[in-house]
Amino acid sequence: MAVLALDQTVVFDMAIPVEVFGRVRLPDGRRPYRVRVCGTQPQVPTDAFTIHAPYGLEALADADTIIVPGRGEEAGPPPERALDALRDAAARGARIASVCGGAFTLAAAGLLDGLAATTHWVAADRLAELFPKVDVRPDVLYVDNGQLLTSAGASAGLDLCLHMVRRDFGSAVAADAARLAVTPLEREGGQAQFIVHEQPPLPHGSLLEPALAWIEDHLGEELTLAAMAAHSGMSSRTFGRRFRAETGTTPLQWLLRARVRRAQYLLENSDYSVERIADQAGFGSATAFRERFKRVTGTTPGAYRAAFRGRRQGCDDGYGL
C-alpha cells in the first residue's frame, strides 16, 4: 500500500491511512498491509514540518492500493509525473483512494471523470466547478466506486480506511481496527450533518436586509409569506420575486434553513428537550422538526446532539478548538 505525499500534503490526511492500515492485524497475528510513504522527492515540505518519503513514485508501480491525501491551499497543481503515475496505476487495476482534498489530485489525473466522488463540504463546490465531469456528492462521508474511492473531511478518511479494511478482510478485522482507533466502525448520517447551512449572501444594501433580520428574530412564530412581505413593505408577489432574485431561493426555503440552523445551535448549546427546540425554532411539532432536520442534515436531532455535545463540552473544559 502506497501513501502519496506531494508537496504541502495535509499531515493529518496522510497519517490516517498510515496509522490505520499499519496497525491492522489478522486473527493469526499477521499484518496484511505493507504501508509505504512515497513522494516525488525524499523531503516533502508541509506547513508544519518536512516529511521524509522513503520511496519514490516508482513504488506506485507495484502497489495494490494507493492513498492520496489532500494538500494545503497554497499548493500548486499536482506534478504531472505524479498524475502520470496515478494514471498508470489505475490502468493496471490498482485501487486508488483519496482523503479529503486528495480528490482534486485524482480529478486532475482524469480518474474521476463520469464517477461520483466527494471531498470536504467546504471544497465541494470548487471541485465541481474545476472538474465538471465529476459527479460531486457533498453530503456523504465517502464514495466507493470499486476501484476509485473518495472521502470527505479528514475524519471521514478514517471511515473510508475502515471500510476498505472491511472490504479486504471482513467485519471482525475492521472492528478490531476501529477499536484501536477508538472510533465506531460506522457513523450514522453523512457529511451533511457537519455542514453549517449558511444562507446565501445578499447584495450590499439590499432592501431585504431588514426583513431577513426580522425573520431571524421571529423564527419561533408562525411566519407566512404575507407576513414577511408586509414587514418588507412589498406585496407577496413582489417580495417573492425580489427574494429569489437576490438570494437564489424562495422565502420558504430560506426560512426552513434558518430554523434548522437555530435548531443546530440549540442542540449543541442547550439541554432543551426536542419538543422545546422544535417550538423555539418554529417547527410547530417535534414530529415536523425531526422529519425536516433529518432531511437537511442526514441524521436525527438525538444523534446530532450526541455527536456535537462532546465537542461543546471539550471547548468548555479548555481542550476544544
C-alpha atoms as a PDB file:
ATOM      1  CA  MET A   1       0.000   0.000   0.000  1.00  0.00           C
ATOM      2  CA  ALA A   2       1.415   3.374  -1.030  1.00  0.00           C
ATOM      3  CA  VAL A   3       0.505   6.733   0.540  1.00  0.00           C
ATOM      4  CA  LEU A   4       1.391   9.530  -1.865  1.00  0.00           C
ATOM      5  CA  ALA A   5       2.913  12.575  -0.172  1.00  0.00           C
ATOM      6  CA  LEU A   6       3.145  15.551  -2.515  1.00  0.00           C
ATOM      7  CA  ASP A   7       4.389  18.986  -1.502  1.00  0.00           C
ATOM      8  CA  GLN A   8       2.076  20.707   1.013  1.00  0.00           C
ATOM      9  CA  THR A   9       0.430  17.399   1.898  1.00  0.00           C
ATOM     10  CA  VAL A  10      -2.021  17.747   4.790  1.00  0.00           C
ATOM     11  CA  VAL A  11      -0.257  15.821   7.536  1.00  0.00           C
ATOM     12  CA  PHE A  12      -3.437  14.582   9.202  1.00  0.00           C
ATOM     13  CA  ASP A  13      -4.764  13.224   5.893  1.00  0.00           C
ATOM     14  CA  MET A  14      -1.524  11.324   5.364  1.00  0.00           C
ATOM     15  CA  ALA A  15      -1.278   9.998   8.921  1.00  0.00           C
ATOM     16  CA  ILE A  16      -4.737   8.420   8.952  1.00  0.00           C
ATOM     17  CA  PRO A  17      -4.072   5.671   6.352  1.00  0.00           C
ATOM     18  CA  VAL A  18      -0.522   5.147   7.645  1.00  0.00           C
ATOM     19  CA  GLU A  19      -1.839   4.509  11.151  1.00  0.00           C
ATOM     20  CA  VAL A  20      -4.999   2.566  10.282  1.00  0.00           C
ATOM     21  CA  PHE A  21      -3.514   0.174   7.741  1.00  0.00           C
ATOM     22  CA  GLY A  22      -0.202  -0.088   9.559  1.00  0.00           C
ATOM     23  CA  ARG A  23      -1.900  -1.368  12.719  1.00  0.00           C
ATOM     24  CA  VAL A  24      -4.268  -3.918  11.157  1.00  0.00           C
ATOM     25  CA  ARG A  25      -3.726  -7.486  12.344  1.00  0.00           C
ATOM     26  CA  LEU A  26      -5.384 -10.690  11.170  1.00  0.00           C
ATOM     27  CA  PRO A  27      -6.618 -13.324  13.668  1.00  0.00           C
ATOM     28  CA  ASP A  28      -3.359 -15.271  13.222  1.00  0.00           C
ATOM     29  CA  GLY A  29      -1.335 -12.155  14.129  1.00  0.00           C
ATOM     30  CA  ARG A  30      -0.083 -11.335  10.639  1.00  0.00           C
ATOM     31  CA  ARG A  31       0.000  -7.736   9.411  1.00  0.00           C
ATOM     32  CA  PRO A  32      -1.643  -7.840   5.962  1.00  0.00           C
ATOM     33  CA  TYR A  33      -0.643  -4.351   4.760  1.00  0.00           C
ATOM     34  CA  ARG A  34       2.842  -3.054   3.986  1.00  0.00           C
ATOM     35  CA  VAL A  35       2.487   0.724   4.048  1.00  0.00           C
ATOM     36  CA  ARG A  36       4.961   2.883   2.136  1.00  0.00           C
ATOM     37  CA  VAL A  37       5.088   6.677   2.054  1.00  0.00           C
ATOM     38  CA  CYS A  38       6.011   7.762  -1.476  1.00  0.00           C
ATOM     39  CA  GLY A  39       6.852  11.162  -2.900  1.00  0.00           C
ATOM     40  CA  THR A  40       8.239  12.999  -5.882  1.00  0.00           C
ATOM     41  CA  GLN A  41      11.205  13.877  -3.678  1.00  0.00           C
ATOM     42  CA  PRO A  42      12.749  12.440  -0.486  1.00  0.00           C
ATOM     43  CA  GLN A  43      11.916  15.507   1.618  1.00  0.00           C
ATOM     44  CA  VAL A  44       8.332  16.716   1.275  1.00  0.00           C
ATOM     45  CA  PRO A  45       7.562  20.193   2.691  1.00  0.00           C
ATOM     46  CA  THR A  46       4.348  20.873   4.602  1.00  0.00           C
ATOM     47  CA  ASP A  47       3.087  23.856   6.593  1.00  0.00           C
ATOM     48  CA  ALA A  48       4.158  22.172   9.834  1.00  0.00           C
ATOM     49  CA  PHE A  49       7.347  20.257   9.072  1.00  0.00           C
ATOM     50  CA  THR A  50       9.138  18.229   6.421  1.00  0.00           C
ATOM     51  CA  ILE A  51       8.024  14.667   5.720  1.00  0.00           C
ATOM     52  CA  HIS A  52      10.618  12.051   4.855  1.00  0.00           C
ATOM     53  CA  ALA A  53       9.321   9.929   1.965  1.00  0.00           C
ATOM     54  CA  PRO A  54      11.485   6.771   1.837  1.00  0.00           C
ATOM     55  CA  TYR A  55      10.061   5.722  -1.543  1.00  0.00           C
ATOM     56  CA  GLY A  56       9.732   7.484  -4.883  1.00  0.00           C
ATOM     57  CA  LEU A  57       6.977   7.359  -7.466  1.00  0.00           C
ATOM     58  CA  GLU A  58       8.343   4.061  -8.758  1.00  0.00           C
ATOM     59  CA  ALA A  59       6.823   2.410  -5.673  1.00  0.00           C
ATOM     60  CA  LEU A  60       3.372   3.184  -7.070  1.00  0.00           C
ATOM     61  CA  ALA A  61       4.046   0.782  -9.927  1.00  0.00           C
ATOM     62  CA  ASP A  62       3.591  -2.331  -7.790  1.00  0.00           C
ATOM     63  CA  ALA A  63       1.254  -1.038  -5.075  1.00  0.00           C
ATOM     64  CA  ASP A  64      -2.093  -2.818  -4.787  1.00  0.00           C
ATOM     65  CA  THR A  65      -3.661   0.249  -3.170  1.00  0.00           C
ATOM     66  CA  ILE A  66      -2.689   3.923  -3.379  1.00  0.00           C
ATOM     67  CA  ILE A  67      -3.973   6.564  -0.957  1.00  0.00           C
ATOM     68  CA  VAL A  68      -3.823  10.232  -1.986  1.00  0.00           C
ATOM     69  CA  PRO A  69      -4.104  12.759   0.886  1.00  0.00           C
ATOM     70  CA  GLY A  70      -5.226  16.345   0.446  1.00  0.00           C
ATOM     71  CA  ARG A  71      -2.860  19.274   0.033  1.00  0.00           C
ATOM     72  CA  GLY A  72      -2.778  22.751   1.548  1.00  0.00           C
ATOM     73  CA  GLU A  73      -4.389  25.803  -0.015  1.00  0.00           C
ATOM     74  CA  GLU A  74      -1.006  27.175  -1.064  1.00  0.00           C
ATOM     75  CA  ALA A  75      -0.086  24.077  -3.076  1.00  0.00           C
ATOM     76  CA  GLY A  76       0.186  24.441  -6.824  1.00  0.00           C
ATOM     77  CA  PRO A  77      -1.083  21.962  -9.421  1.00  0.00           C
ATOM     78  CA  PRO A  78      -0.052  18.348  -8.788  1.00  0.00           C
ATOM     79  CA  PRO A  79       3.215  17.416 -10.573  1.00  0.00           C
ATOM     80  CA  GLU A  80       2.470  15.911 -13.969  1.00  0.00           C
ATOM     81  CA  ARG A  81       4.719  12.933 -13.311  1.00  0.00           C
ATOM     82  CA  ALA A  82       2.702  12.127 -10.194  1.00  0.00           C
ATOM     83  CA  LEU A  83      -0.506  12.315 -12.239  1.00  0.00           C
ATOM     84  CA  ASP A  84       1.048  10.039 -14.873  1.00  0.00           C
ATOM     85  CA  ALA A  85       1.991   7.549 -12.155  1.00  0.00           C
ATOM     86  CA  LEU A  86      -1.596   7.550 -10.876  1.00  0.00           C
ATOM     87  CA  ARG A  87      -2.987   7.077 -14.387  1.00  0.00           C
ATOM     88  CA  ASP A  88      -0.615   4.152 -14.978  1.00  0.00           C
ATOM     89  CA  ALA A  89      -1.611   2.586 -11.675  1.00  0.00           C
ATOM     90  CA  ALA A  90      -5.317   2.945 -12.494  1.00  0.00           C
ATOM     91  CA  ALA A  91      -4.760   1.430 -15.946  1.00  0.00           C
ATOM     92  CA  ARG A  92      -3.230  -1.717 -14.430  1.00  0.00           C
ATOM     93  CA  GLY A  93      -6.121  -2.031 -11.959  1.00  0.00           C
ATOM     94  CA  ALA A  94      -4.680  -0.683  -8.714  1.00  0.00           C
ATOM     95  CA  ARG A  95      -7.190   0.508  -6.130  1.00  0.00           C
ATOM     96  CA  ILE A  96      -6.856   4.271  -5.590  1.00  0.00           C
ATOM     97  CA  ALA A  97      -8.480   6.269  -2.806  1.00  0.00           C
ATOM     98  CA  SER A  98      -8.347   9.901  -1.693  1.00  0.00           C
ATOM     99  CA  VAL A  99      -8.665  11.523   1.705  1.00  0.00           C
ATOM    100  CA  CYS A 100     -10.417  14.903   1.826  1.00  0.00           C
ATOM    101  CA  GLY A 101      -8.842  17.258  -0.759  1.00  0.00           C
ATOM    102  CA  GLY A 102      -6.963  14.374  -2.374  1.00  0.00           C
ATOM    103  CA  ALA A 103      -9.989  14.133  -4.669  1.00  0.00           C
ATOM    104  CA  PHE A 104      -8.641  17.199  -6.504  1.00  0.00           C
ATOM    105  CA  THR A 105      -5.481  15.251  -7.396  1.00  0.00           C
ATOM    106  CA  LEU A 106      -7.487  12.269  -8.637  1.00  0.00           C
ATOM    107  CA  ALA A 107      -9.732  14.594 -10.632  1.00  0.00           C
ATOM    108  CA  ALA A 108      -6.706  16.373 -12.134  1.00  0.00           C
ATOM    109  CA  ALA A 109      -5.486  12.978 -13.331  1.00  0.00           C
ATOM    110  CA  GLY A 110      -8.864  12.419 -15.009  1.00  0.00           C
ATOM    111  CA  LEU A 111      -9.587   9.375 -12.870  1.00  0.00           C
ATOM    112  CA  LEU A 112     -12.912  10.629 -11.529  1.00  0.00           C
ATOM    113  CA  ASP A 113     -14.481  11.622 -14.856  1.00  0.00           C
ATOM    114  CA  GLY A 114     -18.015  10.239 -15.035  1.00  0.00           C
ATOM    115  CA  LEU A 115     -17.877   8.956 -11.456  1.00  0.00           C
ATOM    116  CA  ALA A 116     -19.480  10.008  -8.206  1.00  0.00           C
ATOM    117  CA  ALA A 117     -16.975  11.481  -5.746  1.00  0.00           C
ATOM    118  CA  THR A 118     -16.811  13.531  -2.592  1.00  0.00           C
ATOM    119  CA  THR A 119     -14.451  15.829  -0.720  1.00  0.00           C
ATOM    120  CA  HIS A 120     -14.686  18.145   2.278  1.00  0.00           C
ATOM    121  CA  TRP A 121     -18.010  20.008   2.064  1.00  0.00           C
ATOM    122  CA  VAL A 122     -16.211  23.368   2.111  1.00  0.00           C
ATOM    123  CA  ALA A 123     -14.414  22.430  -1.124  1.00  0.00           C
ATOM    124  CA  ALA A 124     -17.216  20.530  -2.862  1.00  0.00           C
ATOM    125  CA  ASP A 125     -18.429  23.446  -4.980  1.00  0.00           C
ATOM    126  CA  ARG A 126     -14.867  24.184  -6.048  1.00  0.00           C
ATOM    127  CA  LEU A 127     -14.300  20.567  -7.078  1.00  0.00           C
ATOM    128  CA  ALA A 128     -17.489  20.628  -9.143  1.00  0.00           C
ATOM    129  CA  GLU A 129     -16.510  23.932 -10.739  1.00  0.00           C
ATOM    130  CA  LEU A 130     -12.994  22.844 -11.715  1.00  0.00           C
ATOM    131  CA  PHE A 131     -13.966  19.342 -12.834  1.00  0.00           C
ATOM    132  CA  PRO A 132     -17.489  19.396 -14.287  1.00  0.00           C
ATOM    133  CA  LYS A 133     -17.209  15.773 -15.455  1.00  0.00           C
ATOM    134  CA  VAL A 134     -17.122  14.629 -11.816  1.00  0.00           C
ATOM    135  CA  ASP A 135     -20.440  13.921 -10.075  1.00  0.00           C
ATOM    136  CA  VAL A 136     -19.666  15.627  -6.758  1.00  0.00           C
ATOM    137  CA  ARG A 137     -21.650  14.357  -3.762  1.00  0.00           C
ATOM    138  CA  PRO A 138     -21.155  16.886  -0.925  1.00  0.00           C
ATOM    139  CA  ASP A 139     -23.424  15.182   1.620  1.00  0.00           C
ATOM    140  CA  VAL A 140     -21.727  11.789   2.080  1.00  0.00           C
ATOM    141  CA  LEU A 141     -18.755  10.619   4.150  1.00  0.00           C
ATOM    142  CA  TYR A 142     -17.213   8.566   1.356  1.00  0.00           C
ATOM    143  CA  VAL A 143     -17.932   7.142  -2.095  1.00  0.00           C
ATOM    144  CA  ASP A 144     -16.859   3.646  -3.144  1.00  0.00           C
ATOM    145  CA  ASN A 145     -16.803   3.145  -6.923  1.00  0.00           C
ATOM    146  CA  GLY A 146     -14.935  -0.137  -6.622  1.00  0.00           C
ATOM    147  CA  GLN A 147     -11.502   0.751  -7.952  1.00  0.00           C
ATOM    148  CA  LEU A 148     -11.751   4.503  -7.179  1.00  0.00           C
ATOM    149  CA  LEU A 149     -12.787   5.717  -3.741  1.00  0.00           C
ATOM    150  CA  THR A 150     -13.019   9.226  -2.238  1.00  0.00           C
ATOM    151  CA  SER A 151     -13.707  10.524   1.257  1.00  0.00           C
ATOM    152  CA  ALA A 152     -14.898  13.774   2.761  1.00  0.00           C
ATOM    153  CA  GLY A 153     -13.090  15.704   5.521  1.00  0.00           C
ATOM    154  CA  ALA A 154     -10.104  14.139   7.245  1.00  0.00           C
ATOM    155  CA  SER A 155     -12.048  12.159   9.859  1.00  0.00           C
ATOM    156  CA  ALA A 156     -14.159  10.735   7.032  1.00  0.00           C
ATOM    157  CA  GLY A 157     -10.863   9.377   5.699  1.00  0.00           C
ATOM    158  CA  LEU A 158     -10.853   7.216   8.818  1.00  0.00           C
ATOM    159  CA  ASP A 159     -14.323   5.952   7.914  1.00  0.00           C
ATOM    160  CA  LEU A 160     -13.109   5.154   4.400  1.00  0.00           C
ATOM    161  CA  CYS A 161      -9.985   3.328   5.593  1.00  0.00           C
ATOM    162  CA  LEU A 162     -12.046   1.150   7.929  1.00  0.00           C
ATOM    163  CA  HIS A 163     -14.470   0.478   5.085  1.00  0.00           C
ATOM    164  CA  MET A 164     -11.567  -0.679   2.917  1.00  0.00           C
ATOM    165  CA  VAL A 165     -10.271  -2.961   5.682  1.00  0.00           C
ATOM    166  CA  ARG A 166     -13.743  -4.476   5.948  1.00  0.00           C
ATOM    167  CA  ARG A 167     -13.851  -4.983   2.187  1.00  0.00           C
ATOM    168  CA  ASP A 168     -10.489  -6.728   2.292  1.00  0.00           C
ATOM    169  CA  PHE A 169     -10.742  -8.863   5.425  1.00  0.00           C
ATOM    170  CA  GLY A 170     -14.282  -8.709   6.785  1.00  0.00           C
ATOM    171  CA  SER A 171     -16.125  -7.001   9.619  1.00  0.00           C
ATOM    172  CA  ALA A 172     -14.311  -8.685  12.517  1.00  0.00           C
ATOM    173  CA  VAL A 173     -10.881  -7.440  11.416  1.00  0.00           C
ATOM    174  CA  ALA A 174     -12.308  -3.997  10.635  1.00  0.00           C
ATOM    175  CA  ALA A 175     -13.993  -3.853  14.060  1.00  0.00           C
ATOM    176  CA  ASP A 176     -10.651  -4.578  15.730  1.00  0.00           C
ATOM    177  CA  ALA A 177      -9.064  -1.765  13.690  1.00  0.00           C
ATOM    178  CA  ALA A 178     -11.895   0.568  14.730  1.00  0.00           C
ATOM    179  CA  ARG A 179     -11.353  -0.267  18.400  1.00  0.00           C
ATOM    180  CA  LEU A 180      -7.652   0.521  18.091  1.00  0.00           C
ATOM    181  CA  ALA A 181      -8.600   3.898  16.561  1.00  0.00           C
ATOM    182  CA  VAL A 182     -11.227   4.434  19.300  1.00  0.00           C
ATOM    183  CA  THR A 183     -13.914   5.131  16.722  1.00  0.00           C
ATOM    184  CA  PRO A 184     -17.142   3.413  15.670  1.00  0.00           C
ATOM    185  CA  LEU A 185     -16.920   1.162  12.633  1.00  0.00           C
ATOM    186  CA  GLU A 186     -19.867   3.045  11.135  1.00  0.00           C
ATOM    187  CA  ARG A 187     -21.228   6.503  11.849  1.00  0.00           C
ATOM    188  CA  GLU A 188     -24.859   7.479  11.477  1.00  0.00           C
ATOM    189  CA  GLY A 189     -25.672  10.055   8.831  1.00  0.00           C
ATOM    190  CA  GLY A 190     -23.385  11.658   6.313  1.00  0.00           C
ATOM    191  CA  GLN A 191     -21.313  14.751   5.768  1.00  0.00           C
ATOM    192  CA  ALA A 192     -24.447  16.902   5.699  1.00  0.00           C
ATOM    193  CA  GLN A 193     -24.676  16.823   9.496  1.00  0.00           C
ATOM    194  CA  PHE A 194     -21.389  18.762   9.707  1.00  0.00           C
ATOM    195  CA  ILE A 195     -22.351  21.462   7.224  1.00  0.00           C
ATOM    196  CA  VAL A 196     -23.199  24.877   8.566  1.00  0.00           C
ATOM    197  CA  HIS A 197     -26.146  25.752   6.368  1.00  0.00           C
ATOM    198  CA  GLU A 198     -25.433  29.407   5.818  1.00  0.00           C
ATOM    199  CA  GLN A 199     -27.925  31.494   3.920  1.00  0.00           C
ATOM    200  CA  PRO A 200     -26.991  32.892   0.501  1.00  0.00           C
ATOM    201  CA  PRO A 201     -25.400  36.340   0.921  1.00  0.00           C
ATOM    202  CA  LEU A 202     -27.408  39.395  -0.017  1.00  0.00           C
ATOM    203  CA  PRO A 203     -26.157  42.184  -2.269  1.00  0.00           C
ATOM    204  CA  HIS A 204     -24.778  45.093  -0.255  1.00  0.00           C
ATOM    205  CA  GLY A 205     -27.532  47.493   0.735  1.00  0.00           C
ATOM    206  CA  SER A 206     -30.333  45.103  -0.201  1.00  0.00           C
ATOM    207  CA  LEU A 207     -33.861  46.177   0.713  1.00  0.00           C
ATOM    208  CA  LEU A 208     -34.388  42.663   2.070  1.00  0.00           C
ATOM    209  CA  GLU A 209     -31.866  43.021   4.900  1.00  0.00           C
ATOM    210  CA  PRO A 210     -34.320  44.460   7.468  1.00  0.00           C
ATOM    211  CA  ALA A 211     -36.911  41.817   6.597  1.00  0.00           C
ATOM    212  CA  LEU A 212     -34.442  38.952   6.970  1.00  0.00           C
ATOM    213  CA  ALA A 213     -33.208  40.282  10.297  1.00  0.00           C
ATOM    214  CA  TRP A 214     -36.831  40.456  11.459  1.00  0.00           C
ATOM    215  CA  ILE A 215     -37.443  36.869  10.320  1.00  0.00           C
ATOM    216  CA  GLU A 216     -34.379  35.652  12.276  1.00  0.00           C
ATOM    217  CA  ASP A 217     -35.757  37.348  15.384  1.00  0.00           C
ATOM    218  CA  HIS A 218     -39.193  35.717  14.982  1.00  0.00           C
ATOM    219  CA  LEU A 219     -38.328  32.152  13.930  1.00  0.00           C
ATOM    220  CA  GLY A 220     -40.384  30.679  16.760  1.00  0.00           C
ATOM    221  CA  GLU A 221     -43.563  32.299  15.449  1.00  0.00           C
ATOM    222  CA  GLU A 222     -45.852  31.219  12.640  1.00  0.00           C
ATOM    223  CA  LEU A 223     -44.483  33.137   9.658  1.00  0.00           C
ATOM    224  CA  THR A 224     -46.385  33.330   6.394  1.00  0.00           C
ATOM    225  CA  LEU A 225     -45.277  34.749   3.074  1.00  0.00           C
ATOM    226  CA  ALA A 226     -47.832  37.505   3.523  1.00  0.00           C
ATOM    227  CA  ALA A 227     -46.415  38.435   6.947  1.00  0.00           C
ATOM    228  CA  MET A 228     -42.852  38.516   5.661  1.00  0.00           C
ATOM    229  CA  ALA A 229     -43.883  40.582   2.640  1.00  0.00           C
ATOM    230  CA  ALA A 230     -45.878  43.003   4.790  1.00  0.00           C
ATOM    231  CA  HIS A 231     -42.869  43.601   7.045  1.00  0.00           C
ATOM    232  CA  SER A 232     -40.767  44.372   3.984  1.00  0.00           C
ATOM    233  CA  GLY A 233     -43.367  46.821   2.686  1.00  0.00           C
ATOM    234  CA  MET A 234     -43.950  44.829  -0.516  1.00  0.00           C
ATOM    235  CA  SER A 235     -46.737  42.757  -1.941  1.00  0.00           C
ATOM    236  CA  SER A 236     -46.318  38.986  -1.592  1.00  0.00           C
ATOM    237  CA  ARG A 237     -45.692  38.644  -5.306  1.00  0.00           C
ATOM    238  CA  THR A 238     -43.067  41.406  -5.424  1.00  0.00           C
ATOM    239  CA  PHE A 239     -41.416  40.111  -2.262  1.00  0.00           C
ATOM    240  CA  GLY A 240     -41.178  36.559  -3.605  1.00  0.00           C
ATOM    241  CA  ARG A 241     -39.778  37.722  -6.947  1.00  0.00           C
ATOM    242  CA  ARG A 242     -37.183  40.018  -5.357  1.00  0.00           C
ATOM    243  CA  PHE A 243     -36.294  37.385  -2.764  1.00  0.00           C
ATOM    244  CA  ARG A 244     -35.463  34.762  -5.384  1.00  0.00           C
ATOM    245  CA  ALA A 245     -33.562  37.267  -7.496  1.00  0.00           C
ATOM    246  CA  GLU A 246     -31.331  38.317  -4.585  1.00  0.00           C
ATOM    247  CA  THR A 247     -30.893  35.034  -2.697  1.00  0.00           C
ATOM    248  CA  GLY A 248     -31.399  32.344  -5.338  1.00  0.00           C
ATOM    249  CA  THR A 249     -34.020  30.621  -3.194  1.00  0.00           C
ATOM    250  CA  THR A 250     -37.596  31.094  -2.034  1.00  0.00           C
ATOM    251  CA  PRO A 251     -38.678  32.749   1.234  1.00  0.00           C
ATOM    252  CA  LEU A 252     -39.980  29.390   2.493  1.00  0.00           C
ATOM    253  CA  GLN A 253     -36.706  27.557   1.826  1.00  0.00           C
ATOM    254  CA  TRP A 254     -34.751  30.393   3.426  1.00  0.00           C
ATOM    255  CA  LEU A 255     -36.996  30.214   6.487  1.00  0.00           C
ATOM    256  CA  LEU A 256     -36.621  26.437   6.815  1.00  0.00           C
ATOM    257  CA  ARG A 257     -32.820  26.654   6.642  1.00  0.00           C
ATOM    258  CA  ALA A 258     -32.794  29.401   9.250  1.00  0.00           C
ATOM    259  CA  ARG A 259     -34.901  27.208  11.532  1.00  0.00           C
ATOM    260  CA  VAL A 260     -32.580  24.227  11.058  1.00  0.00           C
ATOM    261  CA  ARG A 261     -29.597  26.445  11.915  1.00  0.00           C
ATOM    262  CA  ARG A 262     -31.369  27.638  15.062  1.00  0.00           C
ATOM    263  CA  ALA A 263     -32.093  24.015  16.000  1.00  0.00           C
ATOM    264  CA  GLN A 264     -28.457  23.011  15.424  1.00  0.00           C
ATOM    265  CA  TYR A 265     -27.321  25.771  17.758  1.00  0.00           C
ATOM    266  CA  LEU A 266     -29.792  24.762  20.472  1.00  0.00           C
ATOM    267  CA  LEU A 267     -28.871  21.075  20.199  1.00  0.00           C
ATOM    268  CA  GLU A 268     -25.194  21.934  20.621  1.00  0.00           C
ATOM    269  CA  ASN A 269     -25.537  24.543  23.351  1.00  0.00           C
ATOM    270  CA  SER A 270     -28.555  23.702  25.487  1.00  0.00           C
ATOM    271  CA  ASP A 271     -30.176  20.843  27.376  1.00  0.00           C
ATOM    272  CA  TYR A 272     -33.603  21.681  25.963  1.00  0.00           C
ATOM    273  CA  SER A 273     -35.867  18.817  25.000  1.00  0.00           C
ATOM    274  CA  VAL A 274     -36.585  18.098  21.352  1.00  0.00           C
ATOM    275  CA  GLU A 275     -40.098  19.430  21.883  1.00  0.00           C
ATOM    276  CA  ARG A 276     -38.842  22.739  23.280  1.00  0.00           C
ATOM    277  CA  ILE A 277     -36.301  23.133  20.466  1.00  0.00           C
ATOM    278  CA  ALA A 278     -38.994  22.381  17.899  1.00  0.00           C
ATOM    279  CA  ASP A 279     -41.110  25.146  19.426  1.00  0.00           C
ATOM    280  CA  GLN A 280     -38.302  27.728  19.682  1.00  0.00           C
ATOM    281  CA  ALA A 281     -37.124  27.058  16.127  1.00  0.00           C
ATOM    282  CA  GLY A 282     -40.661  27.380  14.794  1.00  0.00           C
ATOM    283  CA  PHE A 283     -41.348  23.849  13.533  1.00  0.00           C
ATOM    284  CA  GLY A 284     -44.715  23.560  15.241  1.00  0.00           C
ATOM    285  CA  SER A 285     -44.280  19.973  16.406  1.00  0.00           C
ATOM    286  CA  ALA A 286     -41.496  17.597  17.370  1.00  0.00           C
ATOM    287  CA  THR A 287     -42.506  15.280  14.530  1.00  0.00           C
ATOM    288  CA  ALA A 288     -42.225  18.002  11.894  1.00  0.00           C
ATOM    289  CA  PHE A 289     -38.903  19.069  13.424  1.00  0.00           C
ATOM    290  CA  ARG A 290     -37.439  15.558  13.325  1.00  0.00           C
ATOM    291  CA  GLU A 291     -38.521  14.999   9.721  1.00  0.00           C
ATOM    292  CA  ARG A 292     -37.134  18.306   8.436  1.00  0.00           C
ATOM    293  CA  PHE A 293     -33.908  18.025  10.443  1.00  0.00           C
ATOM    294  CA  LYS A 294     -33.234  14.511   9.144  1.00  0.00           C
ATOM    295  CA  ARG A 295     -33.943  15.611   5.578  1.00  0.00           C
ATOM    296  CA  VAL A 296     -31.491  18.525   5.753  1.00  0.00           C
ATOM    297  CA  THR A 297     -28.671  17.058   7.859  1.00  0.00           C
ATOM    298  CA  GLY A 298     -28.958  13.330   7.189  1.00  0.00           C
ATOM    299  CA  THR A 299     -29.187  12.488  10.898  1.00  0.00           C
ATOM    300  CA  THR A 300     -31.641  12.751  13.772  1.00  0.00           C
ATOM    301  CA  PRO A 301     -31.684  15.519  16.385  1.00  0.00           C
ATOM    302  CA  GLY A 302     -30.665  12.990  19.054  1.00  0.00           C
ATOM    303  CA  ALA A 303     -27.717  11.663  17.053  1.00  0.00           C
ATOM    304  CA  TYR A 304     -26.641  15.206  16.155  1.00  0.00           C
ATOM    305  CA  ARG A 305     -26.671  16.251  19.809  1.00  0.00           C
ATOM    306  CA  ALA A 306     -24.681  13.160  20.818  1.00  0.00           C
ATOM    307  CA  ALA A 307     -22.062  13.844  18.136  1.00  0.00           C
ATOM    308  CA  PHE A 308     -21.633  17.543  18.862  1.00  0.00           C
ATOM    309  CA  ARG A 309     -22.226  17.768  22.608  1.00  0.00           C
ATOM    310  CA  GLY A 310     -18.786  16.255  23.252  1.00  0.00           C
ATOM    311  CA  ARG A 311     -17.230  18.974  21.092  1.00  0.00           C
ATOM    312  CA  ARG A 312     -19.007  21.691  23.098  1.00  0.00           C
ATOM    313  CA  GLN A 313     -18.002  20.171  26.451  1.00  0.00           C
ATOM    314  CA  GLY A 314     -14.423  19.913  25.261  1.00  0.00           C
ATOM    315  CA  CYS A 315     -14.445  23.625  24.491  1.00  0.00           C
ATOM    316  CA  ASP A 316     -15.955  24.387  27.920  1.00  0.00           C
ATOM    317  CA  ASP A 317     -13.121  22.419  29.573  1.00  0.00           C
ATOM    318  CA  GLY A 318     -10.489  24.338  27.639  1.00  0.00           C
ATOM    319  CA  TYR A 319      -9.461  21.497  25.370  1.00  0.00           C
ATOM    320  CA  GLY A 320     -11.547  22.213  22.269  1.00  0.00           C
ATOM    321  CA  LEU A 321     -10.781  24.441  19.330  1.00  0.00           C
END
